[in-house]
């Protein structure tokens, strides 16, 4: 499975984090992989699971970063699909040195077109652009 496919599966699993307690996410991942809807190699499964666990561990910090970037909004008011995509993108931007900034943003926007509401792509793109500009100011 290519990175894009792995990212989409991570998104689908991470989406469940808003509906289940952290302790239930391992069981959710097991059910996800056993559902029969997806055929993955052991390497893909290991990568997806490890990435999901790392994101969940960093979720409070990621959410704080997003709250600081969403002017005039509370993260709790953002749609669950968009919030999940923003979380995944911020993780990739801040914690995955292999993924270029433009790729992380582009992939989040593409997934928002596929899974989000009508204006989700422009919303996600705008928030991530503001986030990246803010990161640049912090690192200057």
C-alpha atoms as a PDB file:
ATOM      1  CA  UNK A   1       0.000   0.000   0.000  1.00  0.00           C
ATOM      2  CA  UNK A   2       1.325   3.422  -0.881  1.00  0.00           C
ATOM      3  CA  UNK A   3       1.703   6.226   1.648  1.00  0.00           C
ATOM      4  CA  UNK A   4      -1.531   7.868   0.442  1.00  0.00           C
ATOM      5  CA  UNK A   5      -3.493   4.691   1.151  1.00  0.00           C
ATOM      6  CA  UNK A   6      -1.884   4.292   4.547  1.00  0.00           C
ATOM      7  CA  UNK A   7      -2.717   7.913   5.377  1.00  0.00           C
ATOM      8  CA  UNK A   8      -6.367   7.356   4.443  1.00  0.00           C
ATOM      9  CA  UNK A   9      -6.596   4.306   6.690  1.00  0.00           C
ATOM     10  CA  UNK A  10      -4.971   6.223   9.556  1.00  0.00           C
ATOM     11  CA  UNK A  11      -7.557   8.964   9.006  1.00  0.00           C
ATOM     12  CA  UNK A  12     -10.404   6.441   9.205  1.00  0.00           C
ATOM     13  CA  UNK A  13      -9.066   4.999  12.454  1.00  0.00           C
ATOM     14  CA  UNK A  14      -8.237   8.378  13.954  1.00  0.00           C
ATOM     15  CA  UNK A  15     -11.789   9.521  13.196  1.00  0.00           C
ATOM     16  CA  UNK A  16     -12.978   6.987  15.768  1.00  0.00           C
ATOM     17  CA  UNK A  17     -11.037   8.775  18.528  1.00  0.00           C
ATOM     18  CA  UNK A  18     -13.899  11.253  18.929  1.00  0.00           C
ATOM     19  CA  UNK A  19     -16.341   8.433  19.639  1.00  0.00           C
ATOM     20  CA  UNK A  20     -14.347   6.063  21.837  1.00  0.00           C
ATOM     21  CA  UNK A  21     -12.274   6.285  24.974  1.00  0.00           C
ATOM     22  CA  UNK A  22      -8.492   6.092  24.488  1.00  0.00           C
ATOM     23  CA  UNK A  23      -8.414   2.631  26.070  1.00  0.00           C
ATOM     24  CA  UNK A  24     -10.864   1.356  23.461  1.00  0.00           C
ATOM     25  CA  UNK A  25      -8.862   2.418  20.429  1.00  0.00           C
ATOM     26  CA  UNK A  26      -6.730  -0.733  20.261  1.00  0.00           C
ATOM     27  CA  UNK A  27      -9.900  -2.817  20.089  1.00  0.00           C
ATOM     28  CA  UNK A  28     -11.294  -0.449  17.456  1.00  0.00           C
ATOM     29  CA  UNK A  29      -8.164  -0.920  15.359  1.00  0.00           C
ATOM     30  CA  UNK A  30      -8.501  -4.700  15.632  1.00  0.00           C
ATOM     31  CA  UNK A  31     -12.122  -4.554  14.480  1.00  0.00           C
ATOM     32  CA  UNK A  32     -11.142  -2.187  11.666  1.00  0.00           C
ATOM     33  CA  UNK A  33      -8.554  -4.590  10.284  1.00  0.00           C
ATOM     34  CA  UNK A  34     -10.770  -7.660  10.748  1.00  0.00           C
ATOM     35  CA  UNK A  35     -13.811  -6.085   9.080  1.00  0.00           C
ATOM     36  CA  UNK A  36     -12.891  -7.537   5.693  1.00  0.00           C
ATOM     37  CA  UNK A  37     -13.301  -4.144   4.016  1.00  0.00           C
ATOM     38  CA  UNK A  38      -9.573  -3.735   3.608  1.00  0.00           C
ATOM     39  CA  UNK A  39      -6.702  -5.969   2.611  1.00  0.00           C
ATOM     40  CA  UNK A  40      -3.406  -4.889   4.121  1.00  0.00           C
ATOM     41  CA  UNK A  41      -0.009  -6.463   4.462  1.00  0.00           C
ATOM     42  CA  UNK A  42       1.501  -7.014   7.885  1.00  0.00           C
ATOM     43  CA  UNK A  43       3.899  -4.138   7.181  1.00  0.00           C
ATOM     44  CA  UNK A  44       1.015  -1.807   6.306  1.00  0.00           C
ATOM     45  CA  UNK A  45      -0.896  -2.832   9.396  1.00  0.00           C
ATOM     46  CA  UNK A  46       2.157  -2.315  11.602  1.00  0.00           C
ATOM     47  CA  UNK A  47       2.809   1.130  10.084  1.00  0.00           C
ATOM     48  CA  UNK A  48      -0.835   2.238  10.361  1.00  0.00           C
ATOM     49  CA  UNK A  49      -1.150   0.985  13.936  1.00  0.00           C
ATOM     50  CA  UNK A  50       2.133   2.533  15.078  1.00  0.00           C
ATOM     51  CA  UNK A  51       1.268   5.862  13.493  1.00  0.00           C
ATOM     52  CA  UNK A  52      -2.224   5.843  15.043  1.00  0.00           C
ATOM     53  CA  UNK A  53      -0.804   5.109  18.501  1.00  0.00           C
ATOM     54  CA  UNK A  54       1.742   7.908  18.161  1.00  0.00           C
ATOM     55  CA  UNK A  55      -0.909  10.404  17.066  1.00  0.00           C
ATOM     56  CA  UNK A  56      -3.217   9.417  19.915  1.00  0.00           C
ATOM     57  CA  UNK A  57      -0.370   9.849  22.389  1.00  0.00           C
ATOM     58  CA  UNK A  58       0.283  13.364  21.071  1.00  0.00           C
ATOM     59  CA  UNK A  59      -3.382  14.298  20.602  1.00  0.00           C
ATOM     60  CA  UNK A  60      -3.667  16.713  23.558  1.00  0.00           C
ATOM     61  CA  UNK A  61      -0.616  18.635  22.296  1.00  0.00           C
ATOM     62  CA  UNK A  62      -1.862  18.573  18.687  1.00  0.00           C
ATOM     63  CA  UNK A  63      -5.267  19.874  19.786  1.00  0.00           C
ATOM     64  CA  UNK A  64      -3.647  22.732  21.733  1.00  0.00           C
ATOM     65  CA  UNK A  65      -1.677  23.705  18.634  1.00  0.00           C
ATOM     66  CA  UNK A  66      -4.831  23.648  16.535  1.00  0.00           C
ATOM     67  CA  UNK A  67      -6.784  25.715  19.078  1.00  0.00           C
ATOM     68  CA  UNK A  68      -4.083  28.365  18.794  1.00  0.00           C
ATOM     69  CA  UNK A  69      -4.405  28.391  14.983  1.00  0.00           C
ATOM     70  CA  UNK A  70      -8.175  28.510  14.652  1.00  0.00           C
ATOM     71  CA  UNK A  71      -9.047  32.145  15.205  1.00  0.00           C
ATOM     72  CA  UNK A  72     -12.642  32.741  16.191  1.00  0.00           C
ATOM     73  CA  UNK A  73     -13.384  29.029  16.467  1.00  0.00           C
ATOM     74  CA  UNK A  74     -13.192  26.347  19.101  1.00  0.00           C
ATOM     75  CA  UNK A  75     -11.888  22.985  17.992  1.00  0.00           C
ATOM     76  CA  UNK A  76     -15.050  21.436  19.448  1.00  0.00           C
ATOM     77  CA  UNK A  77     -17.095  23.363  16.838  1.00  0.00           C
ATOM     78  CA  UNK A  78     -15.117  22.025  13.886  1.00  0.00           C
ATOM     79  CA  UNK A  79     -16.705  19.097  12.040  1.00  0.00           C
ATOM     80  CA  UNK A  80     -15.333  15.720  13.063  1.00  0.00           C
ATOM     81  CA  UNK A  81     -13.987  14.909   9.597  1.00  0.00           C
ATOM     82  CA  UNK A  82     -12.227  18.250   9.310  1.00  0.00           C
ATOM     83  CA  UNK A  83     -10.905  18.040  12.872  1.00  0.00           C
ATOM     84  CA  UNK A  84      -9.513  14.566  12.223  1.00  0.00           C
ATOM     85  CA  UNK A  85      -7.806  15.714   9.022  1.00  0.00           C
ATOM     86  CA  UNK A  86      -6.337  18.741  10.781  1.00  0.00           C
ATOM     87  CA  UNK A  87      -5.027  16.516  13.567  1.00  0.00           C
ATOM     88  CA  UNK A  88      -3.427  14.145  11.080  1.00  0.00           C
ATOM     89  CA  UNK A  89      -1.873  16.987   9.092  1.00  0.00           C
ATOM     90  CA  UNK A  90      -0.455  18.726  12.175  1.00  0.00           C
ATOM     91  CA  UNK A  91       1.034  15.418  13.253  1.00  0.00           C
ATOM     92  CA  UNK A  92       2.673  15.021   9.855  1.00  0.00           C
ATOM     93  CA  UNK A  93       3.882  18.623   9.837  1.00  0.00           C
ATOM     94  CA  UNK A  94       5.376  18.550  13.320  1.00  0.00           C
ATOM     95  CA  UNK A  95       6.378  14.956  13.975  1.00  0.00           C
ATOM     96  CA  UNK A  96       7.127  13.290  10.627  1.00  0.00           C
ATOM     97  CA  UNK A  97      10.282  14.646   9.033  1.00  0.00           C
ATOM     98  CA  UNK A  98       9.815  12.442   5.948  1.00  0.00           C
ATOM     99  CA  UNK A  99       6.690  14.271   4.788  1.00  0.00           C
ATOM    100  CA  UNK A 100       7.207  17.687   3.171  1.00  0.00           C
ATOM    101  CA  UNK A 101       4.929  20.507   4.314  1.00  0.00           C
ATOM    102  CA  UNK A 102       3.240  20.839   0.936  1.00  0.00           C
ATOM    103  CA  UNK A 103       2.485  17.128   0.784  1.00  0.00           C
ATOM    104  CA  UNK A 104       0.945  17.068   4.267  1.00  0.00           C
ATOM    105  CA  UNK A 105      -1.323  19.999   3.407  1.00  0.00           C
ATOM    106  CA  UNK A 106      -2.209  18.715  -0.063  1.00  0.00           C
ATOM    107  CA  UNK A 107      -3.110  15.264   1.216  1.00  0.00           C
ATOM    108  CA  UNK A 108      -5.298  16.701   3.983  1.00  0.00           C
ATOM    109  CA  UNK A 109      -7.103  18.872   1.448  1.00  0.00           C
ATOM    110  CA  UNK A 110      -7.639  15.915  -0.899  1.00  0.00           C
ATOM    111  CA  UNK A 111      -9.050  13.765   1.898  1.00  0.00           C
ATOM    112  CA  UNK A 112     -11.321  16.637   2.945  1.00  0.00           C
ATOM    113  CA  UNK A 113     -12.702  16.750  -0.596  1.00  0.00           C
ATOM    114  CA  UNK A 114     -13.432  13.050  -0.399  1.00  0.00           C
ATOM    115  CA  UNK A 115     -14.832  12.822   3.129  1.00  0.00           C
ATOM    116  CA  UNK A 116     -15.692  16.339   4.247  1.00  0.00           C
ATOM    117  CA  UNK A 117     -18.538  18.743   3.756  1.00  0.00           C
ATOM    118  CA  UNK A 118     -18.874  21.046   0.761  1.00  0.00           C
ATOM    119  CA  UNK A 119     -16.411  23.726   1.911  1.00  0.00           C
ATOM    120  CA  UNK A 120     -14.165  21.414   3.906  1.00  0.00           C
ATOM    121  CA  UNK A 121     -11.221  21.595   1.506  1.00  0.00           C
ATOM    122  CA  UNK A 122     -10.923  25.375   1.653  1.00  0.00           C
ATOM    123  CA  UNK A 123     -11.433  25.356   5.439  1.00  0.00           C
ATOM    124  CA  UNK A 124      -8.730  22.727   6.000  1.00  0.00           C
ATOM    125  CA  UNK A 125      -6.362  24.460   3.582  1.00  0.00           C
ATOM    126  CA  UNK A 126      -6.863  27.837   5.284  1.00  0.00           C
ATOM    127  CA  UNK A 127      -6.330  26.507   8.802  1.00  0.00           C
ATOM    128  CA  UNK A 128      -3.211  24.592   7.795  1.00  0.00           C
ATOM    129  CA  UNK A 129      -1.794  27.571   5.903  1.00  0.00           C
ATOM    130  CA  UNK A 130      -2.284  29.742   9.002  1.00  0.00           C
ATOM    131  CA  UNK A 131      -0.757  27.009  11.146  1.00  0.00           C
ATOM    132  CA  UNK A 132       2.340  26.759   8.943  1.00  0.00           C
ATOM    133  CA  UNK A 133       2.764  30.561   8.882  1.00  0.00           C
ATOM    134  CA  UNK A 134       2.555  30.564  12.680  1.00  0.00           C
ATOM    135  CA  UNK A 135       5.166  27.823  12.899  1.00  0.00           C
ATOM    136  CA  UNK A 136       7.467  29.846  10.675  1.00  0.00           C
ATOM    137  CA  UNK A 137       7.169  32.847  12.967  1.00  0.00           C
ATOM    138  CA  UNK A 138       7.998  30.682  15.988  1.00  0.00           C
ATOM    139  CA  UNK A 139      11.077  29.237  14.293  1.00  0.00           C
ATOM    140  CA  UNK A 140      12.368  32.584  12.981  1.00  0.00           C
END
